[in-house]
C-alpha atoms as a PDB file:
ATOM      1  CA  UNK A   1       0.000   0.000   0.000  1.00  0.00           C
ATOM      2  CA  UNK A   2       1.388   3.415  -0.961  1.00  0.00           C
ATOM      3  CA  UNK A   3       1.879   6.258   1.458  1.00  0.00           C
ATOM      4  CA  UNK A   4       0.007   9.544   1.299  1.00  0.00           C
ATOM      5  CA  UNK A   5       2.764  11.968   0.245  1.00  0.00           C
ATOM      6  CA  UNK A   6       2.239  15.572  -0.829  1.00  0.00           C
ATOM      7  CA  UNK A   7       4.749  18.329  -1.595  1.00  0.00           C
ATOM      8  CA  UNK A   8       3.390  21.871  -1.357  1.00  0.00           C
ATOM      9  CA  UNK A   9       4.492  25.434  -0.689  1.00  0.00           C
ATOM     10  CA  UNK A  10       5.097  26.512   2.903  1.00  0.00           C
ATOM     11  CA  UNK A  11       2.148  27.967   4.822  1.00  0.00           C
ATOM     12  CA  UNK A  12       2.361  30.176   7.906  1.00  0.00           C
ATOM     13  CA  UNK A  13       1.128  27.348  10.117  1.00  0.00           C
ATOM     14  CA  UNK A  14       4.023  25.085   9.085  1.00  0.00           C
ATOM     15  CA  UNK A  15       6.778  26.905  10.926  1.00  0.00           C
ATOM     16  CA  UNK A  16       6.556  25.097  14.260  1.00  0.00           C
ATOM     17  CA  UNK A  17       7.015  21.795  12.421  1.00  0.00           C
ATOM     18  CA  UNK A  18       9.826  23.150  10.213  1.00  0.00           C
ATOM     19  CA  UNK A  19      11.733  24.522  13.194  1.00  0.00           C
ATOM     20  CA  UNK A  20      11.389  21.186  15.006  1.00  0.00           C
ATOM     21  CA  UNK A  21      12.593  19.238  11.950  1.00  0.00           C
ATOM     22  CA  UNK A  22      15.534  21.608  11.476  1.00  0.00           C
ATOM     23  CA  UNK A  23      16.595  21.349  15.116  1.00  0.00           C
ATOM     24  CA  UNK A  24      16.333  17.551  15.151  1.00  0.00           C
ATOM     25  CA  UNK A  25      18.510  17.335  12.049  1.00  0.00           C
ATOM     26  CA  UNK A  26      21.149  19.984  12.682  1.00  0.00           C
ATOM     27  CA  UNK A  27      21.483  20.639  16.422  1.00  0.00           C
ATOM     28  CA  UNK A  28      23.933  17.791  17.034  1.00  0.00           C
ATOM     29  CA  UNK A  29      26.306  19.274  14.462  1.00  0.00           C
ATOM     30  CA  UNK A  30      25.930  22.821  15.828  1.00  0.00           C
ATOM     31  CA  UNK A  31      24.348  23.879  12.518  1.00  0.00           C
ATOM     32  CA  UNK A  32      20.871  24.750  13.748  1.00  0.00           C
ATOM     33  CA  UNK A  33      19.543  28.243  13.008  1.00  0.00           C
ATOM     34  CA  UNK A  34      17.142  30.610  14.709  1.00  0.00           C
ATOM     35  CA  UNK A  35      13.542  30.581  13.539  1.00  0.00           C
ATOM     36  CA  UNK A  36      13.680  34.153  12.252  1.00  0.00           C
ATOM     37  CA  UNK A  37      16.641  33.239  10.029  1.00  0.00           C
ATOM     38  CA  UNK A  38      14.822  30.245   8.557  1.00  0.00           C
ATOM     39  CA  UNK A  39      11.683  32.284   7.924  1.00  0.00           C
ATOM     40  CA  UNK A  40      13.708  35.037   6.248  1.00  0.00           C
ATOM     41  CA  UNK A  41      15.159  32.553   3.763  1.00  0.00           C
ATOM     42  CA  UNK A  42      11.687  31.362   2.796  1.00  0.00           C
ATOM     43  CA  UNK A  43      10.443  34.945   2.464  1.00  0.00           C
ATOM     44  CA  UNK A  44      13.253  35.612  -0.015  1.00  0.00           C
ATOM     45  CA  UNK A  45      11.818  33.068  -2.452  1.00  0.00           C
ATOM     46  CA  UNK A  46       8.518  31.462  -1.384  1.00  0.00           C
ATOM     47  CA  UNK A  47       8.071  29.877  -4.804  1.00  0.00           C
ATOM     48  CA  UNK A  48      11.135  27.663  -4.314  1.00  0.00           C
ATOM     49  CA  UNK A  49      10.466  26.540  -0.727  1.00  0.00           C
ATOM     50  CA  UNK A  50       8.372  23.477   0.071  1.00  0.00           C
ATOM     51  CA  UNK A  51       6.949  21.273   2.788  1.00  0.00           C
ATOM     52  CA  UNK A  52       6.561  17.518   2.390  1.00  0.00           C
ATOM     53  CA  UNK A  53       3.489  16.016   4.056  1.00  0.00           C
ATOM     54  CA  UNK A  54       3.677  12.303   4.886  1.00  0.00           C
ATOM     55  CA  UNK A  55       0.334  10.823   5.907  1.00  0.00           C
ATOM     56  CA  UNK A  56      -0.993  14.400   6.174  1.00  0.00           C
ATOM     57  CA  UNK A  57       1.702  15.571   8.618  1.00  0.00           C
ATOM     58  CA  UNK A  58       4.804  17.668   7.805  1.00  0.00           C
ATOM     59  CA  UNK A  59       7.782  15.317   7.581  1.00  0.00           C
ATOM     60  CA  UNK A  60      10.259  17.276   5.487  1.00  0.00           C
ATOM     61  CA  UNK A  61      10.987  20.600   3.877  1.00  0.00           C
ATOM     62  CA  UNK A  62      13.182  22.468   1.391  1.00  0.00           C
ATOM     63  CA  UNK A  63      14.458  26.024   1.654  1.00  0.00           C
ATOM     64  CA  UNK A  64      16.015  27.353  -1.553  1.00  0.00           C
ATOM     65  CA  UNK A  65      16.629  30.953  -2.557  1.00  0.00           C
ATOM     66  CA  UNK A  66      18.523  32.872  -5.246  1.00  0.00           C
ATOM     67  CA  UNK A  67      22.145  33.579  -4.331  1.00  0.00           C
ATOM     68  CA  UNK A  68      25.130  34.656  -6.427  1.00  0.00           C
ATOM     69  CA  UNK A  69      27.393  31.773  -7.372  1.00  0.00           C
ATOM     70  CA  UNK A  70      30.025  30.915  -4.760  1.00  0.00           C
ATOM     71  CA  UNK A  71      28.198  32.877  -2.085  1.00  0.00           C
ATOM     72  CA  UNK A  72      25.906  31.409   0.574  1.00  0.00           C
ATOM     73  CA  UNK A  73      23.808  32.355   3.630  1.00  0.00           C
ATOM     74  CA  UNK A  74      25.383  33.325   6.937  1.00  0.00           C
ATOM     75  CA  UNK A  75      23.948  30.843   9.448  1.00  0.00           C
ATOM     76  CA  UNK A  76      24.035  33.440  12.212  1.00  0.00           C
ATOM     77  CA  UNK A  77      22.001  36.059  10.357  1.00  0.00           C
ATOM     78  CA  UNK A  78      18.626  36.469   8.719  1.00  0.00           C
ATOM     79  CA  UNK A  79      18.410  37.476   5.074  1.00  0.00           C
ATOM     80  CA  UNK A  80      18.156  41.236   4.637  1.00  0.00           C
ATOM     81  CA  UNK A  81      18.615  41.356   0.849  1.00  0.00           C
ATOM     82  CA  UNK A  82      16.784  39.478  -1.888  1.00  0.00           C
ATOM     83  CA  UNK A  83      19.399  38.554  -4.475  1.00  0.00           C
ATOM     84  CA  UNK A  84      18.580  38.656  -8.168  1.00  0.00           C
ATOM     85  CA  UNK A  85      20.571  35.734  -9.492  1.00  0.00           C
ATOM     86  CA  UNK A  86      20.132  32.915 -11.991  1.00  0.00           C
ATOM     87  CA  UNK A  87      21.682  30.628  -9.378  1.00  0.00           C
ATOM     88  CA  UNK A  88      19.294  28.948  -6.919  1.00  0.00           C
ATOM     89  CA  UNK A  89      20.937  27.996  -3.622  1.00  0.00           C
ATOM     90  CA  UNK A  90      19.510  24.899  -1.915  1.00  0.00           C
ATOM     91  CA  UNK A  91      20.000  25.865   1.701  1.00  0.00           C
ATOM     92  CA  UNK A  92      18.124  23.087   3.534  1.00  0.00           C
ATOM     93  CA  UNK A  93      16.717  19.734   2.476  1.00  0.00           C
ATOM     94  CA  UNK A  94      15.411  17.822   5.511  1.00  0.00           C
ATOM     95  CA  UNK A  95      13.423  14.610   5.872  1.00  0.00           C
ATOM     96  CA  UNK A  96      12.273  13.418   9.307  1.00  0.00           C
ATOM     97  CA  UNK A  97      14.172  10.436  10.650  1.00  0.00           C
ATOM     98  CA  UNK A  98      11.110   8.216  11.012  1.00  0.00           C
ATOM     99  CA  UNK A  99      10.274   8.385   7.278  1.00  0.00           C
ATOM    100  CA  UNK A 100      13.771   8.129   5.809  1.00  0.00           C
ATOM    101  CA  UNK A 101      14.416   5.321   3.379  1.00  0.00           C
ATOM    102  CA  UNK A 102      11.242   5.992   1.349  1.00  0.00           C
ATOM    103  CA  UNK A 103      12.925   8.062  -1.354  1.00  0.00           C
ATOM    104  CA  UNK A 104      11.428  11.284  -0.044  1.00  0.00           C
ATOM    105  CA  UNK A 105      14.654  13.285  -0.282  1.00  0.00           C
ATOM    106  CA  UNK A 106      14.766  12.521  -3.989  1.00  0.00           C
ATOM    107  CA  UNK A 107      11.108  13.494  -4.358  1.00  0.00           C
ATOM    108  CA  UNK A 108      11.885  16.873  -2.807  1.00  0.00           C
ATOM    109  CA  UNK A 109      14.896  17.258  -5.079  1.00  0.00           C
ATOM    110  CA  UNK A 110      12.757  16.353  -8.118  1.00  0.00           C
ATOM    111  CA  UNK A 111      10.249  19.064  -7.258  1.00  0.00           C
ATOM    112  CA  UNK A 112      12.922  21.672  -6.645  1.00  0.00           C
ATOM    113  CA  UNK A 113      14.781  20.858  -9.865  1.00  0.00           C
ATOM    114  CA  UNK A 114      11.587  21.032 -11.930  1.00  0.00           C
ATOM    115  CA  UNK A 115      10.695  24.358 -10.316  1.00  0.00           C
ATOM    116  CA  UNK A 116      14.170  25.770 -10.892  1.00  0.00           C
ATOM    117  CA  UNK A 117      14.023  24.888 -14.580  1.00  0.00           C
ATOM    118  CA  UNK A 118      10.525  26.318 -14.955  1.00  0.00           C
ATOM    119  CA  UNK A 119      11.706  29.561 -13.376  1.00  0.00           C
ATOM    120  CA  UNK A 120      14.714  29.671 -15.736  1.00  0.00           C
ATOM    121  CA  UNK A 121      17.438  29.279 -13.158  1.00  0.00           C
ATOM    122  CA  UNK A 122      20.758  28.337 -14.717  1.00  0.00           C
ATOM    123  CA  UNK A 123      22.261  26.467 -11.769  1.00  0.00           C
ATOM    124  CA  UNK A 124      21.515  25.008  -8.354  1.00  0.00           C
ATOM    125  CA  UNK A 125      24.161  25.268  -5.646  1.00  0.00           C
ATOM    126  CA  UNK A 126      24.351  23.887  -2.111  1.00  0.00           C
ATOM    127  CA  UNK A 127      26.723  23.186   0.752  1.00  0.00           C
ATOM    128  CA  UNK A 128      26.974  19.473   1.525  1.00  0.00           C
ATOM    129  CA  UNK A 129      27.418  18.896   5.259  1.00  0.00           C
ATOM    130  CA  UNK A 130      27.610  15.918   7.579  1.00  0.00           C
ATOM    131  CA  UNK A 131      29.332  13.622   5.091  1.00  0.00           C
ATOM    132  CA  UNK A 132      26.646  13.949   2.415  1.00  0.00           C
ATOM    133  CA  UNK A 133      28.889  14.834  -0.556  1.00  0.00           C
ATOM    134  CA  UNK A 134      28.430  11.325  -2.011  1.00  0.00           C
ATOM    135  CA  UNK A 135      24.645  11.678  -2.096  1.00  0.00           C
ATOM    136  CA  UNK A 136      24.816  14.974  -3.959  1.00  0.00           C
ATOM    137  CA  UNK A 137      27.531  13.792  -6.336  1.00  0.00           C
ATOM    138  CA  UNK A 138      25.324  10.819  -7.231  1.00  0.00           C
ATOM    139  CA  UNK A 139      22.555  13.326  -7.977  1.00  0.00           C
ATOM    140  CA  UNK A 140      24.623  15.291 -10.523  1.00  0.00           C
ATOM    141  CA  UNK A 141      26.201  17.933  -8.277  1.00  0.00           C
ATOM    142  CA  UNK A 142      29.897  18.752  -8.711  1.00  0.00           C
ATOM    143  CA  UNK A 143      32.152  19.753  -5.803  1.00  0.00           C
ATOM    144  CA  UNK A 144      33.805  23.166  -6.020  1.00  0.00           C
ATOM    145  CA  UNK A 145      36.524  22.803  -3.373  1.00  0.00           C
ATOM    146  CA  UNK A 146      38.034  26.187  -4.255  1.00  0.00           C
ATOM    147  CA  UNK A 147      35.116  27.934  -2.521  1.00  0.00           C
ATOM    148  CA  UNK A 148      36.131  28.740   1.039  1.00  0.00           C
ATOM    149  CA  UNK A 149      33.340  28.120   3.536  1.00  0.00           C
ATOM    150  CA  UNK A 150      32.654  29.797   6.862  1.00  0.00           C
ATOM    151  CA  UNK A 151      33.673  27.674   9.882  1.00  0.00           C
ATOM    152  CA  UNK A 152      30.046  27.598  11.005  1.00  0.00           C
ATOM    153  CA  UNK A 153      29.239  25.061   8.290  1.00  0.00           C
ATOM    154  CA  UNK A 154      31.382  22.454  10.012  1.00  0.00           C
ATOM    155  CA  UNK A 155      34.436  20.409   9.139  1.00  0.00           C
ATOM    156  CA  UNK A 156      34.246  18.667   5.800  1.00  0.00           C
ATOM    157  CA  UNK A 157      31.520  20.902   4.339  1.00  0.00           C
ATOM    158  CA  UNK A 158      31.765  21.214   0.552  1.00  0.00           C
ATOM    159  CA  UNK A 159      30.271  23.756  -1.845  1.00  0.00           C
ATOM    160  CA  UNK A 160      28.636  21.966  -4.803  1.00  0.00           C
ATOM    161  CA  UNK A 161      26.624  22.943  -7.859  1.00  0.00           C
ATOM    162  CA  UNK A 162      24.886  21.591 -10.940  1.00  0.00           C
ATOM    163  CA  UNK A 163      24.103  23.316 -14.225  1.00  0.00           C
ATOM    164  CA  UNK A 164      20.579  23.325 -15.642  1.00  0.00           C
ATOM    165  CA  UNK A 165      19.683  23.637 -19.309  1.00  0.00           C
ATOM    166  CA  UNK A 166      16.741  23.098 -21.632  1.00  0.00           C
ATOM    167  CA  UNK A 167      18.273  20.327 -23.715  1.00  0.00           C
ATOM    168  CA  UNK A 168      15.561  17.643 -23.682  1.00  0.00           C
ATOM    169  CA  UNK A 169      17.944  15.023 -25.094  1.00  0.00           C
ATOM    170  CA  UNK A 170      20.109  15.283 -21.989  1.00  0.00           C
ATOM    171  CA  UNK A 171      17.729  15.185 -19.102  1.00  0.00           C
ATOM    172  CA  UNK A 172      16.480  11.601 -19.278  1.00  0.00           C
ATOM    173  CA  UNK A 173      19.962  10.410 -18.271  1.00  0.00           C
ATOM    174  CA  UNK A 174      20.090  12.751 -15.294  1.00  0.00           C
ATOM    175  CA  UNK A 175      19.925  11.068 -11.835  1.00  0.00           C
ATOM    176  CA  UNK A 176      17.141  13.448 -10.781  1.00  0.00           C
ATOM    177  CA  UNK A 177      14.897  12.489 -13.713  1.00  0.00           C
ATOM    178  CA  UNK A 178      11.299  11.539 -12.933  1.00  0.00           C
ATOM    179  CA  UNK A 179       8.336  10.613 -15.119  1.00  0.00           C
ATOM    180  CA  UNK A 180       6.222  13.366 -13.557  1.00  0.00           C
ATOM    181  CA  UNK A 181       4.851  15.395 -16.533  1.00  0.00           C
ATOM    182  CA  UNK A 182       5.620  18.679 -14.764  1.00  0.00           C
ATOM    183  CA  UNK A 183       9.238  17.565 -14.558  1.00  0.00           C
ATOM    184  CA  UNK A 184       9.330  16.426 -18.193  1.00  0.00           C
ATOM    185  CA  UNK A 185       8.246  19.849 -19.392  1.00  0.00           C
ATOM    186  CA  UNK A 186      11.836  21.072 -19.040  1.00  0.00           C
ATOM    187  CA  UNK A 187      15.229  19.441 -19.329  1.00  0.00           C
ATOM    188  CA  UNK A 188      18.412  19.186 -17.349  1.00  0.00           C
ATOM    189  CA  UNK A 189      21.934  18.548 -18.531  1.00  0.00           C
ATOM    190  CA  UNK A 190      25.037  17.975 -16.439  1.00  0.00           C
ATOM    191  CA  UNK A 191      28.684  17.650 -17.464  1.00  0.00           C
ATOM    192  CA  UNK A 192      29.705  14.396 -15.773  1.00  0.00           C
ATOM    193  CA  UNK A 193      33.237  13.112 -15.460  1.00  0.00           C
ATOM    194  CA  UNK A 194      33.989   9.392 -15.372  1.00  0.00           C
ATOM    195  CA  UNK A 195      34.620   9.344 -11.628  1.00  0.00           C
ATOM    196  CA  UNK A 196      31.169  10.634 -10.743  1.00  0.00           C
ATOM    197  CA  UNK A 197      29.444   8.361 -13.255  1.00  0.00           C
ATOM    198  CA  UNK A 198      30.941   5.343 -11.518  1.00  0.00           C
ATOM    199  CA  UNK A 199      29.736   6.304  -8.032  1.00  0.00           C
ATOM    200  CA  UNK A 200      26.906   4.234  -6.490  1.00  0.00           C
ATOM    201  CA  UNK A 201      23.627   5.808  -5.522  1.00  0.00           C
ATOM    202  CA  UNK A 202      23.374   6.737  -1.842  1.00  0.00           C
ATOM    203  CA  UNK A 203      20.099   6.218  -0.016  1.00  0.00           C
ATOM    204  CA  UNK A 204      18.646   9.311   1.592  1.00  0.00           C
ATOM    205  CA  UNK A 205      18.635   7.630   4.996  1.00  0.00           C
ATOM    206  CA  UNK A 206      22.406   7.183   4.841  1.00  0.00           C
ATOM    207  CA  UNK A 207      23.044  10.922   5.043  1.00  0.00           C
ATOM    208  CA  UNK A 208      20.326  12.683   7.040  1.00  0.00           C
ATOM    209  CA  UNK A 209      22.175  16.023   7.052  1.00  0.00           C
ATOM    210  CA  UNK A 210      22.172  16.984   3.430  1.00  0.00           C
ATOM    211  CA  UNK A 211      22.607  20.743   3.078  1.00  0.00           C
ATOM    212  CA  UNK A 212      23.007  23.796   5.194  1.00  0.00           C
END
């Protein structure tokens, strides 16, 4: 029997659940943020921020907002400027521990990627934390180790990005491909080197701390 899963935009009444999910995921690594900072990131780009309902209860979320390439949010501060950039920065992707292993992280990534293409973003960037670089590499993100990161992101954090395009011939081979018609309306193309192509897929439950 399938689960009742829905991905939707964030509503005002979701913030207690989002804050609880964020704290449960990031507090142990000293990466947790204040509520006002999280809310400010969603306000910067409500059309690219989502909640995942599992059996009609919030069990995951995504916060993504436009940011210039190679720049990223300050975890200690709220957003005070809305950037106008063709780069979409995936700040948080969180799935509750009790529902991990159901492919929900990939569902959230599918929705975000489709939305980014529809809104004509050229790239998606993120900071992989908590040992999650393998997951993101397997999902077509390239590491950019030259980007220096603030100490607050933790040891081993890596800036990563993927390039989006409208080449339909390329996107069916992309690891984030889905048969959802809203996803198929655009296309995604990545330049993959042989090392990344050979990497195994990593289950979402293996790396609960994905971005920050």
